[in-house]
Amino acid sequence: MAVGYLSYRELDRQWEEMRESKWVRTSPATVLRKSDGRVYYQIDNFDNLPEPRRSRASESEVTRMRDSGPRFCSSVDWYDRVEPGSRIYVRYQCFSDGKLEIVGADTERN
C-alpha cells in the first residue's frame, strides 16, 4: 500500500513539473540596445515563477548573459517605438532546469 501511495505521489509531482514547464508566463524586460533590426533585452525578473524554478531561471539567465550576451528579437513591428531603457514584455516557458523557451515579446503585456 505504501509503495502504491509513494508511486502515486511521484507521478503527481512529475505531472506538476510538466504542467509548470508548459505554462507561458510574461515578465518585464529592459531594452539594452538596438542594431541591425534587432532589439537586445534583458529580462528584469522571474517573480511569477515558483521556487525553486525562479532561482534556476535567474541563474540560467546570468550564465546565458555571460556566455552568449543578451537575448534579442528581430523583425518586430515595434522596433521604431522602443529605445534603450524602454520596457517590453517577454512571454516564455521555463523548464525545470531553469532554461527558457522564448515565445514572444511585445511592448504591451498580453
PDB file of N, CA and C in Angstrom:
ATOM      1  N   MET A   1       0.815  -1.192   0.000  1.00  0.00           N
ATOM      2  CA  MET A   1       0.000   0.000   0.000  1.00  0.00           C
ATOM      3  C   MET A   1       0.860   1.259   0.000  1.00  0.00           C
ATOM      4  N   ALA A   2       1.907   1.288   0.835  1.00  0.00           N
ATOM      5  CA  ALA A   2       2.776   2.458   0.915  1.00  0.00           C
ATOM      6  C   ALA A   2       3.516   2.682  -0.398  1.00  0.00           C
ATOM      7  N   VAL A   3       3.932   1.599  -1.056  1.00  0.00           N
ATOM      8  CA  VAL A   3       4.635   1.717  -2.326  1.00  0.00           C
ATOM      9  C   VAL A   3       3.714   2.338  -3.377  1.00  0.00           C
ATOM     10  N   GLY A   4       2.460   1.914  -3.392  1.00  0.00           N
ATOM     11  CA  GLY A   4       1.487   2.478  -4.327  1.00  0.00           C
ATOM     12  C   GLY A   4       1.278   3.962  -4.093  1.00  0.00           C
ATOM     13  N   TYR A   5       1.175   4.345  -2.836  1.00  0.00           N
ATOM     14  CA  TYR A   5       0.982   5.752  -2.488  1.00  0.00           C
ATOM     15  C   TYR A   5       2.190   6.587  -2.899  1.00  0.00           C
ATOM     16  N   LEU A   6       3.401   6.071  -2.614  1.00  0.00           N
ATOM     17  CA  LEU A   6       4.610   6.786  -2.976  1.00  0.00           C
ATOM     18  C   LEU A   6       4.750   6.905  -4.491  1.00  0.00           C
ATOM     19  N   SER A   7       4.374   5.852  -5.205  1.00  0.00           N
ATOM     20  CA  SER A   7       4.412   5.900  -6.666  1.00  0.00           C
ATOM     21  C   SER A   7       3.440   6.949  -7.187  1.00  0.00           C
ATOM     22  N   TYR A   8       2.259   7.000  -6.600  1.00  0.00           N
ATOM     23  CA  TYR A   8       1.260   7.990  -6.996  1.00  0.00           C
ATOM     24  C   TYR A   8       1.782   9.402  -6.740  1.00  0.00           C
ATOM     25  N   ARG A   9       2.399   9.632  -5.584  1.00  0.00           N
ATOM     26  CA  ARG A   9       2.929  10.959  -5.246  1.00  0.00           C
ATOM     27  C   ARG A   9       4.026  11.380  -6.233  1.00  0.00           C
ATOM     28  N   GLU A  10       4.889  10.452  -6.591  1.00  0.00           N
ATOM     29  CA  GLU A  10       5.957  10.765  -7.542  1.00  0.00           C
ATOM     30  C   GLU A  10       5.378  11.070  -8.915  1.00  0.00           C
ATOM     31  N   LEU A  11       4.414  10.291  -9.351  1.00  0.00           N
ATOM     32  CA  LEU A  11       3.751  10.536 -10.635  1.00  0.00           C
ATOM     33  C   LEU A  11       3.065  11.899 -10.621  1.00  0.00           C
ATOM     34  N   ASP A  12       2.407  12.228  -9.526  1.00  0.00           N
ATOM     35  CA  ASP A  12       1.744  13.526  -9.383  1.00  0.00           C
ATOM     36  C   ASP A  12       2.765  14.659  -9.437  1.00  0.00           C
ATOM     37  N   ARG A  13       3.907  14.507  -8.798  1.00  0.00           N
ATOM     38  CA  ARG A  13       4.967  15.519  -8.815  1.00  0.00           C
ATOM     39  C   ARG A  13       5.497  15.727 -10.238  1.00  0.00           C
ATOM     40  N   GLN A  14       5.711  14.629 -10.949  1.00  0.00           N
ATOM     41  CA  GLN A  14       6.202  14.726 -12.319  1.00  0.00           C
ATOM     42  C   GLN A  14       5.178  15.405 -13.231  1.00  0.00           C
ATOM     43  N   TRP A  15       3.903  15.102 -13.001  1.00  0.00           N
ATOM     44  CA  TRP A  15       2.838  15.727 -13.780  1.00  0.00           C
ATOM     45  C   TRP A  15       2.843  17.252 -13.554  1.00  0.00           C
ATOM     46  N   GLU A  16       2.985  17.673 -12.299  1.00  0.00           N
ATOM     47  CA  GLU A  16       3.026  19.098 -11.981  1.00  0.00           C
ATOM     48  C   GLU A  16       4.254  19.765 -12.601  1.00  0.00           C
ATOM     49  N   GLU A  17       5.384  19.095 -12.587  1.00  0.00           N
ATOM     50  CA  GLU A  17       6.594  19.625 -13.224  1.00  0.00           C
ATOM     51  C   GLU A  17       6.355  19.853 -14.709  1.00  0.00           C
ATOM     52  N   MET A  18       5.708  18.902 -15.367  1.00  0.00           N
ATOM     53  CA  MET A  18       5.430  19.031 -16.787  1.00  0.00           C
ATOM     54  C   MET A  18       4.479  20.196 -17.046  1.00  0.00           C
ATOM     55  N   ARG A  19       3.443  20.319 -16.228  1.00  0.00           N
ATOM     56  CA  ARG A  19       2.484  21.412 -16.393  1.00  0.00           C
ATOM     57  C   ARG A  19       3.166  22.764 -16.195  1.00  0.00           C
ATOM     58  N   GLU A  20       4.022  22.873 -15.201  1.00  0.00           N
ATOM     59  CA  GLU A  20       4.761  24.119 -14.955  1.00  0.00           C
ATOM     60  C   GLU A  20       5.609  24.495 -16.170  1.00  0.00           C
ATOM     61  N   SER A  21       6.195  23.489 -16.822  1.00  0.00           N
ATOM     62  CA  SER A  21       7.041  23.742 -17.989  1.00  0.00           C
ATOM     63  C   SER A  21       6.239  24.199 -19.192  1.00  0.00           C
ATOM     64  N   LYS A  22       4.994  23.817 -19.283  1.00  0.00           N
ATOM     65  CA  LYS A  22       4.155  24.152 -20.437  1.00  0.00           C
ATOM     66  C   LYS A  22       3.526  25.534 -20.330  1.00  0.00           C
ATOM     67  N   TRP A  23       3.364  26.050 -19.121  1.00  0.00           N
ATOM     68  CA  TRP A  23       2.723  27.348 -18.941  1.00  0.00           C
ATOM     69  C   TRP A  23       3.551  28.445 -19.580  1.00  0.00           C
ATOM     70  N   VAL A  24       2.870  29.344 -20.266  1.00  0.00           N
ATOM     71  CA  VAL A  24       3.537  30.514 -20.823  1.00  0.00           C
ATOM     72  C   VAL A  24       3.342  31.658 -19.835  1.00  0.00           C
ATOM     73  N   ARG A  25       4.440  32.241 -19.430  1.00  0.00           N
ATOM     74  CA  ARG A  25       4.414  33.327 -18.451  1.00  0.00           C
ATOM     75  C   ARG A  25       4.943  34.595 -19.109  1.00  0.00           C
ATOM     76  N   THR A  26       4.675  35.718 -18.487  1.00  0.00           N
ATOM     77  CA  THR A  26       5.134  37.005 -19.003  1.00  0.00           C
ATOM     78  C   THR A  26       5.942  37.723 -17.933  1.00  0.00           C
ATOM     79  N   SER A  27       7.084  38.254 -18.334  1.00  0.00           N
ATOM     80  CA  SER A  27       7.921  39.038 -17.429  1.00  0.00           C
ATOM     81  C   SER A  27       8.362  40.309 -18.129  1.00  0.00           C
ATOM     82  N   PRO A  28       8.576  41.371 -17.357  1.00  0.00           N
ATOM     83  CA  PRO A  28       9.099  42.601 -17.951  1.00  0.00           C
ATOM     84  C   PRO A  28      10.571  42.426 -18.307  1.00  0.00           C
ATOM     85  N   ALA A  29      10.985  43.171 -19.316  1.00  0.00           N
ATOM     86  CA  ALA A  29      12.385  43.167 -19.741  1.00  0.00           C
ATOM     87  C   ALA A  29      12.767  44.592 -20.117  1.00  0.00           C
ATOM     88  N   THR A  30      14.037  44.874 -20.054  1.00  0.00           N
ATOM     89  CA  THR A  30      14.544  46.198 -20.392  1.00  0.00           C
ATOM     90  C   THR A  30      15.335  46.113 -21.693  1.00  0.00           C
ATOM     91  N   VAL A  31      15.032  47.034 -22.605  1.00  0.00           N
ATOM     92  CA  VAL A  31      15.767  47.116 -23.866  1.00  0.00           C
ATOM     93  C   VAL A  31      17.164  47.644 -23.559  1.00  0.00           C
ATOM     94  N   LEU A  32      18.173  46.905 -23.999  1.00  0.00           N
ATOM     95  CA  LEU A  32      19.562  47.301 -23.777  1.00  0.00           C
ATOM     96  C   LEU A  32      20.110  48.113 -24.944  1.00  0.00           C
ATOM     97  N   ARG A  33      19.791  47.662 -26.165  1.00  0.00           N
ATOM     98  CA  ARG A  33      20.249  48.378 -27.358  1.00  0.00           C
ATOM     99  C   ARG A  33      19.476  47.881 -28.577  1.00  0.00           C
ATOM    100  N   LYS A  34      19.649  48.601 -29.662  1.00  0.00           N
ATOM    101  CA  LYS A  34      19.054  48.231 -30.940  1.00  0.00           C
ATOM    102  C   LYS A  34      20.133  48.315 -32.010  1.00  0.00           C
ATOM    103  N   SER A  35      20.144  47.360 -32.917  1.00  0.00           N
ATOM    104  CA  SER A  35      21.047  47.435 -34.065  1.00  0.00           C
ATOM    105  C   SER A  35      20.665  46.397 -35.085  1.00  0.00           C
ATOM    106  N   ASP A  36      20.836  46.759 -36.348  1.00  0.00           N
ATOM    107  CA  ASP A  36      20.598  45.846 -37.472  1.00  0.00           C
ATOM    108  C   ASP A  36      19.233  45.163 -37.401  1.00  0.00           C
ATOM    109  N   GLY A  37      18.214  45.891 -36.993  1.00  0.00           N
ATOM    110  CA  GLY A  37      16.864  45.328 -36.921  1.00  0.00           C
ATOM    111  C   GLY A  37      16.608  44.453 -35.710  1.00  0.00           C
ATOM    112  N   ARG A  38      17.569  44.371 -34.818  1.00  0.00           N
ATOM    113  CA  ARG A  38      17.413  43.557 -33.603  1.00  0.00           C
ATOM    114  C   ARG A  38      17.215  44.449 -32.383  1.00  0.00           C
ATOM    115  N   VAL A  39      16.392  43.958 -31.467  1.00  0.00           N
ATOM    116  CA  VAL A  39      16.203  44.617 -30.177  1.00  0.00           C
ATOM    117  C   VAL A  39      16.794  43.686 -29.125  1.00  0.00           C
ATOM    118  N   TYR A  40      17.855  44.133 -28.464  1.00  0.00           N
ATOM    119  CA  TYR A  40      18.523  43.346 -27.429  1.00  0.00           C
ATOM    120  C   TYR A  40      17.909  43.716 -26.080  1.00  0.00           C
ATOM    121  N   TYR A  41      17.662  42.714 -25.267  1.00  0.00           N
ATOM    122  CA  TYR A  41      16.986  42.973 -23.990  1.00  0.00           C
ATOM    123  C   TYR A  41      17.485  42.046 -22.902  1.00  0.00           C
ATOM    124  N   GLN A  42      17.157  42.431 -21.669  1.00  0.00           N
ATOM    125  CA  GLN A  42      17.444  41.609 -20.501  1.00  0.00           C
ATOM    126  C   GLN A  42      16.153  41.475 -19.704  1.00  0.00           C
ATOM    127  N   ILE A  43      15.793  40.247 -19.352  1.00  0.00           N
ATOM    128  CA  ILE A  43      14.597  40.003 -18.551  1.00  0.00           C
ATOM    129  C   ILE A  43      14.860  40.535 -17.145  1.00  0.00           C
ATOM    130  N   ASP A  44      13.921  41.343 -16.648  1.00  0.00           N
ATOM    131  CA  ASP A  44      14.111  42.015 -15.356  1.00  0.00           C
ATOM    132  C   ASP A  44      13.978  41.083 -14.159  1.00  0.00           C
ATOM    133  N   ASN A  45      13.000  40.200 -14.186  1.00  0.00           N
ATOM    134  CA  ASN A  45      12.797  39.309 -13.039  1.00  0.00           C
ATOM    135  C   ASN A  45      11.941  38.112 -13.436  1.00  0.00           C
ATOM    136  N   PHE A  46      11.895  37.162 -12.545  1.00  0.00           N
ATOM    137  CA  PHE A  46      11.082  35.959 -12.728  1.00  0.00           C
ATOM    138  C   PHE A  46      10.131  35.806 -11.548  1.00  0.00           C
ATOM    139  N   ASP A  47       9.595  36.925 -11.086  1.00  0.00           N
ATOM    140  CA  ASP A  47       8.749  36.936  -9.893  1.00  0.00           C
ATOM    141  C   ASP A  47       7.505  36.047 -10.013  1.00  0.00           C
ATOM    142  N   ASN A  48       7.053  35.784 -11.220  1.00  0.00           N
ATOM    143  CA  ASN A  48       5.847  34.972 -11.385  1.00  0.00           C
ATOM    144  C   ASN A  48       6.124  33.468 -11.426  1.00  0.00           C
ATOM    145  N   LEU A  49       7.365  33.073 -11.214  1.00  0.00           N
ATOM    146  CA  LEU A  49       7.712  31.650 -11.150  1.00  0.00           C
ATOM    147  C   LEU A  49       7.785  31.203  -9.691  1.00  0.00           C
ATOM    148  N   PRO A  50       7.347  29.986  -9.403  1.00  0.00           N
ATOM    149  CA  PRO A  50       7.505  29.462  -8.041  1.00  0.00           C
ATOM    150  C   PRO A  50       8.954  29.011  -7.810  1.00  0.00           C
ATOM    151  N   GLU A  51       9.363  28.998  -6.567  1.00  0.00           N
ATOM    152  CA  GLU A  51      10.672  28.436  -6.213  1.00  0.00           C
ATOM    153  C   GLU A  51      10.579  26.922  -6.296  1.00  0.00           C
ATOM    154  N   PRO A  52      11.602  26.203  -6.649  1.00  0.00           N
ATOM    155  CA  PRO A  52      12.968  26.646  -6.942  1.00  0.00           C
ATOM    156  C   PRO A  52      13.174  27.040  -8.405  1.00  0.00           C
ATOM    157  N   ARG A  53      12.123  26.957  -9.211  1.00  0.00           N
ATOM    158  CA  ARG A  53      12.242  27.287 -10.639  1.00  0.00           C
ATOM    159  C   ARG A  53      12.701  28.736 -10.839  1.00  0.00           C
ATOM    160  N   ARG A  54      12.243  29.649 -10.001  1.00  0.00           N
ATOM    161  CA  ARG A  54      12.632  31.070 -10.108  1.00  0.00           C
ATOM    162  C   ARG A  54      14.146  31.225  -9.968  1.00  0.00           C
ATOM    163  N   SER A  55      14.722  30.599  -8.962  1.00  0.00           N
ATOM    164  CA  SER A  55      16.173  30.694  -8.753  1.00  0.00           C
ATOM    165  C   SER A  55      16.935  30.053  -9.904  1.00  0.00           C
ATOM    166  N   ARG A  56      16.450  28.933 -10.380  1.00  0.00           N
ATOM    167  CA  ARG A  56      17.114  28.262 -11.512  1.00  0.00           C
ATOM    168  C   ARG A  56      17.069  29.137 -12.761  1.00  0.00           C
ATOM    169  N   ALA A  57      15.931  29.774 -13.014  1.00  0.00           N
ATOM    170  CA  ALA A  57      15.808  30.648 -14.186  1.00  0.00           C
ATOM    171  C   ALA A  57      16.749  31.841 -14.065  1.00  0.00           C
ATOM    172  N   SER A  58      16.817  32.435 -12.887  1.00  0.00           N
ATOM    173  CA  SER A  58      17.721  33.578 -12.673  1.00  0.00           C
ATOM    174  C   SER A  58      19.172  33.174 -12.894  1.00  0.00           C
ATOM    175  N   GLU A  59      19.566  32.045 -12.332  1.00  0.00           N
ATOM    176  CA  GLU A  59      20.940  31.558 -12.506  1.00  0.00           C
ATOM    177  C   GLU A  59      21.228  31.247 -13.972  1.00  0.00           C
ATOM    178  N   SER A  60      20.269  30.630 -14.635  1.00  0.00           N
ATOM    179  CA  SER A  60      20.419  30.279 -16.043  1.00  0.00           C
ATOM    180  C   SER A  60      20.592  31.526 -16.908  1.00  0.00           C
ATOM    181  N   GLU A  61      19.840  32.577 -16.610  1.00  0.00           N
ATOM    182  CA  GLU A  61      19.942  33.818 -17.383  1.00  0.00           C
ATOM    183  C   GLU A  61      21.272  34.523 -17.142  1.00  0.00           C
ATOM    184  N   VAL A  62      21.775  34.496 -15.916  1.00  0.00           N
ATOM    185  CA  VAL A  62      23.087  35.099 -15.630  1.00  0.00           C
ATOM    186  C   VAL A  62      24.159  34.366 -16.426  1.00  0.00           C
ATOM    187  N   THR A  63      24.099  33.047 -16.422  1.00  0.00           N
ATOM    188  CA  THR A  63      25.075  32.250 -17.173  1.00  0.00           C
ATOM    189  C   THR A  63      24.948  32.506 -18.667  1.00  0.00           C
ATOM    190  N   ARG A  64      23.715  32.548 -19.162  1.00  0.00           N
ATOM    191  CA  ARG A  64      23.481  32.782 -20.581  1.00  0.00           C
ATOM    192  C   ARG A  64      24.007  34.156 -20.998  1.00  0.00           C
ATOM    193  N   MET A  65      23.740  35.170 -20.184  1.00  0.00           N
ATOM    194  CA  MET A  65      24.191  36.526 -20.496  1.00  0.00           C
ATOM    195  C   MET A  65      25.717  36.581 -20.539  1.00  0.00           C
ATOM    196  N   ARG A  66      26.354  35.912 -19.590  1.00  0.00           N
ATOM    197  CA  ARG A  66      27.814  35.895 -19.537  1.00  0.00           C
ATOM    198  C   ARG A  66      28.401  35.168 -20.749  1.00  0.00           C
ATOM    199  N   ASP A  67      27.815  34.037 -21.113  1.00  0.00           N
ATOM    200  CA  ASP A  67      28.372  33.206 -22.181  1.00  0.00           C
ATOM    201  C   ASP A  67      27.970  33.638 -23.589  1.00  0.00           C
ATOM    202  N   SER A  68      26.743  34.145 -23.743  1.00  0.00           N
ATOM    203  CA  SER A  68      26.226  34.420 -25.090  1.00  0.00           C
ATOM    204  C   SER A  68      25.792  35.860 -25.315  1.00  0.00           C
ATOM    205  N   GLY A  69      25.765  36.650 -24.276  1.00  0.00           N
ATOM    206  CA  GLY A  69      25.276  38.015 -24.424  1.00  0.00           C
ATOM    207  C   GLY A  69      23.769  38.075 -24.246  1.00  0.00           C
ATOM    208  N   PRO A  70      23.211  39.262 -24.419  1.00  0.00           N
ATOM    209  CA  PRO A  70      21.774  39.425 -24.167  1.00  0.00           C
ATOM    210  C   PRO A  70      20.908  38.747 -25.224  1.00  0.00           C
ATOM    211  N   ARG A  71      19.711  38.464 -24.833  1.00  0.00           N
ATOM    212  CA  ARG A  71      18.727  37.934 -25.772  1.00  0.00           C
ATOM    213  C   ARG A  71      18.329  39.046 -26.736  1.00  0.00           C
ATOM    214  N   PHE A  72      17.784  38.649 -27.881  1.00  0.00           N
ATOM    215  CA  PHE A  72      17.301  39.651 -28.826  1.00  0.00           C
ATOM    216  C   PHE A  72      16.116  39.105 -29.602  1.00  0.00           C
ATOM    217  N   CYS A  73      15.351  40.018 -30.160  1.00  0.00           N
ATOM    218  CA  CYS A  73      14.300  39.650 -31.104  1.00  0.00           C
ATOM    219  C   CYS A  73      14.509  40.513 -32.337  1.00  0.00           C
ATOM    220  N   SER A  74      14.086  40.009 -33.462  1.00  0.00           N
ATOM    221  CA  SER A  74      14.294  40.744 -34.712  1.00  0.00           C
ATOM    222  C   SER A  74      13.000  40.773 -35.511  1.00  0.00           C
ATOM    223  N   SER A  75      12.977  41.676 -36.458  1.00  0.00           N
ATOM    224  CA  SER A  75      11.814  41.833 -37.343  1.00  0.00           C
ATOM    225  C   SER A  75      10.523  42.053 -36.570  1.00  0.00           C
ATOM    226  N   VAL A  76      10.586  42.891 -35.548  1.00  0.00           N
ATOM    227  CA  VAL A  76       9.384  43.192 -34.771  1.00  0.00           C
ATOM    228  C   VAL A  76       8.773  44.490 -35.286  1.00  0.00           C
ATOM    229  N   ASP A  77       7.458  44.562 -35.285  1.00  0.00           N
ATOM    230  CA  ASP A  77       6.786  45.747 -35.811  1.00  0.00           C
ATOM    231  C   ASP A  77       6.915  46.959 -34.892  1.00  0.00           C
ATOM    232  N   TRP A  78       7.409  46.768 -33.696  1.00  0.00           N
ATOM    233  CA  TRP A  78       7.555  47.859 -32.736  1.00  0.00           C
ATOM    234  C   TRP A  78       8.998  48.339 -32.590  1.00  0.00           C
ATOM    235  N   TYR A  79       9.856  47.963 -33.509  1.00  0.00           N
ATOM    236  CA  TYR A  79      11.272  48.335 -33.456  1.00  0.00           C
ATOM    237  C   TYR A  79      11.464  49.843 -33.286  1.00  0.00           C
ATOM    238  N   ASP A  80      10.734  50.647 -34.051  1.00  0.00           N
ATOM    239  CA  ASP A  80      10.888  52.097 -34.011  1.00  0.00           C
ATOM    240  C   ASP A  80      10.286  52.749 -32.774  1.00  0.00           C
ATOM    241  N   ARG A  81       9.506  52.014 -32.002  1.00  0.00           N
ATOM    242  CA  ARG A  81       8.830  52.587 -30.826  1.00  0.00           C
ATOM    243  C   ARG A  81       9.602  52.387 -29.519  1.00  0.00           C
ATOM    244  N   VAL A  82      10.717  51.658 -29.560  1.00  0.00           N
ATOM    245  CA  VAL A  82      11.481  51.434 -28.325  1.00  0.00           C
ATOM    246  C   VAL A  82      12.889  52.000 -28.461  1.00  0.00           C
ATOM    247  N   GLU A  83      13.439  52.352 -27.332  1.00  0.00           N
ATOM    248  CA  GLU A  83      14.804  52.856 -27.239  1.00  0.00           C
ATOM    249  C   GLU A  83      15.467  52.157 -26.050  1.00  0.00           C
ATOM    250  N   PRO A  84      16.786  52.217 -25.945  1.00  0.00           N
ATOM    251  CA  PRO A  84      17.435  51.652 -24.763  1.00  0.00           C
ATOM    252  C   PRO A  84      16.802  52.217 -23.489  1.00  0.00           C
ATOM    253  N   GLY A  85      16.500  51.326 -22.565  1.00  0.00           N
ATOM    254  CA  GLY A  85      15.838  51.697 -21.326  1.00  0.00           C
ATOM    255  C   GLY A  85      14.333  51.479 -21.363  1.00  0.00           C
ATOM    256  N   SER A  86      13.766  51.282 -22.557  1.00  0.00           N
ATOM    257  CA  SER A  86      12.326  51.017 -22.674  1.00  0.00           C
ATOM    258  C   SER A  86      11.987  49.673 -22.053  1.00  0.00           C
ATOM    259  N   ARG A  87      10.757  49.551 -21.619  1.00  0.00           N
ATOM    260  CA  ARG A  87      10.275  48.281 -21.068  1.00  0.00           C
ATOM    261  C   ARG A  87       9.497  47.540 -22.150  1.00  0.00           C
ATOM    262  N   ILE A  88       9.784  46.254 -22.274  1.00  0.00           N
ATOM    263  CA  ILE A  88       8.990  45.363 -23.114  1.00  0.00           C
ATOM    264  C   ILE A  88       8.552  44.195 -22.233  1.00  0.00           C
ATOM    265  N   TYR A  89       7.710  43.342 -22.775  1.00  0.00           N
ATOM    266  CA  TYR A  89       7.225  42.179 -22.035  1.00  0.00           C
ATOM    267  C   TYR A  89       7.532  40.924 -22.838  1.00  0.00           C
ATOM    268  N   VAL A  90       8.162  39.973 -22.168  1.00  0.00           N
ATOM    269  CA  VAL A  90       8.611  38.744 -22.805  1.00  0.00           C
ATOM    270  C   VAL A  90       7.743  37.589 -22.325  1.00  0.00           C
ATOM    271  N   ARG A  91       7.242  36.798 -23.278  1.00  0.00           N
ATOM    272  CA  ARG A  91       6.477  35.593 -22.967  1.00  0.00           C
ATOM    273  C   ARG A  91       7.404  34.390 -23.145  1.00  0.00           C
ATOM    274  N   TYR A  92       7.382  33.504 -22.164  1.00  0.00           N
ATOM    275  CA  TYR A  92       8.318  32.377 -22.192  1.00  0.00           C
ATOM    276  C   TYR A  92       7.743  31.169 -21.451  1.00  0.00           C
ATOM    277  N   GLN A  93       8.366  30.035 -21.728  1.00  0.00           N
ATOM    278  CA  GLN A  93       8.151  28.818 -20.955  1.00  0.00           C
ATOM    279  C   GLN A  93       9.449  28.570 -20.194  1.00  0.00           C
ATOM    280  N   CYS A  94       9.331  28.135 -18.956  1.00  0.00           N
ATOM    281  CA  CYS A  94      10.511  27.859 -18.137  1.00  0.00           C
ATOM    282  C   CYS A  94      10.514  26.381 -17.753  1.00  0.00           C
ATOM    283  N   PHE A  95      11.552  25.681 -18.132  1.00  0.00           N
ATOM    284  CA  PHE A  95      11.666  24.260 -17.843  1.00  0.00           C
ATOM    285  C   PHE A  95      12.234  24.047 -16.444  1.00  0.00           C
ATOM    286  N   SER A  96      12.162  22.838 -15.964  1.00  0.00           N
ATOM    287  CA  SER A  96      12.552  22.550 -14.574  1.00  0.00           C
ATOM    288  C   SER A  96      14.014  22.871 -14.287  1.00  0.00           C
ATOM    289  N   ASP A  97      14.869  22.863 -15.313  1.00  0.00           N
ATOM    290  CA  ASP A  97      16.281  23.194 -15.105  1.00  0.00           C
ATOM    291  C   ASP A  97      16.546  24.698 -15.166  1.00  0.00           C
ATOM    292  N   GLY A  98      15.487  25.502 -15.387  1.00  0.00           N
ATOM    293  CA  GLY A  98      15.633  26.951 -15.444  1.00  0.00           C
ATOM    294  C   GLY A  98      15.847  27.507 -16.836  1.00  0.00           C
ATOM    295  N   LYS A  99      16.033  26.657 -17.820  1.00  0.00           N
ATOM    296  CA  LYS A  99      16.202  27.118 -19.198  1.00  0.00           C
ATOM    297  C   LYS A  99      14.875  27.685 -19.709  1.00  0.00           C
ATOM    298  N   LEU A 100      14.971  28.709 -20.550  1.00  0.00           N
ATOM    299  CA  LEU A 100      13.784  29.367 -21.073  1.00  0.00           C
ATOM    300  C   LEU A 100      13.600  29.094 -22.560  1.00  0.00           C
ATOM    301  N   GLU A 101      12.369  29.014 -22.960  1.00  0.00           N
ATOM    302  CA  GLU A 101      11.979  28.997 -24.370  1.00  0.00           C
ATOM    303  C   GLU A 101      11.174  30.274 -24.570  1.00  0.00           C
ATOM    304  N   ILE A 102      11.719  31.225 -25.337  1.00  0.00           N
ATOM    305  CA  ILE A 102      11.034  32.489 -25.569  1.00  0.00           C
ATOM    306  C   ILE A 102       9.938  32.265 -26.608  1.00  0.00           C
ATOM    307  N   VAL A 103       8.734  32.679 -26.258  1.00  0.00           N
ATOM    308  CA  VAL A 103       7.572  32.511 -27.129  1.00  0.00           C
ATOM    309  C   VAL A 103       7.302  33.796 -27.914  1.00  0.00           C
ATOM    310  N   GLY A 104       7.592  34.938 -27.309  1.00  0.00           N
ATOM    311  CA  GLY A 104       7.370  36.204 -27.989  1.00  0.00           C
ATOM    312  C   GLY A 104       7.702  37.376 -27.100  1.00  0.00           C
ATOM    313  N   ALA A 105       7.673  38.558 -27.693  1.00  0.00           N
ATOM    314  CA  ALA A 105       7.922  39.791 -26.940  1.00  0.00           C
ATOM    315  C   ALA A 105       7.100  40.892 -27.581  1.00  0.00           C
ATOM    316  N   ASP A 106       6.691  41.849 -26.762  1.00  0.00           N
ATOM    317  CA  ASP A 106       5.880  42.963 -27.243  1.00  0.00           C
ATOM    318  C   ASP A 106       6.046  44.142 -26.309  1.00  0.00           C
ATOM    319  N   THR A 107       5.558  45.290 -26.718  1.00  0.00           N
ATOM    320  CA  THR A 107       5.643  46.483 -25.883  1.00  0.00           C
ATOM    321  C   THR A 107       4.523  46.543 -24.861  1.00  0.00           C
ATOM    322  N   GLU A 108       3.516  45.712 -25.034  1.00  0.00           N
ATOM    323  CA  GLU A 108       2.408  45.666 -24.095  1.00  0.00           C
ATOM    324  C   GLU A 108       2.284  44.281 -23.498  1.00  0.00           C
ATOM    325  N   ARG A 109       1.843  44.250 -22.263  1.00  0.00           N
ATOM    326  CA  ARG A 109       1.660  42.980 -21.580  1.00  0.00           C
ATOM    327  C   ARG A 109       0.432  42.277 -22.152  1.00  0.00           C
ATOM    328  N   ASN A 110       0.617  41.059 -22.593  1.00  0.00           N
ATOM    329  CA  ASN A 110      -0.507  40.273 -23.153  1.00  0.00           C
ATOM    330  C   ASN A 110      -0.927  39.184 -22.220  1.00  0.00           C
TER     331      ASN A 110
END
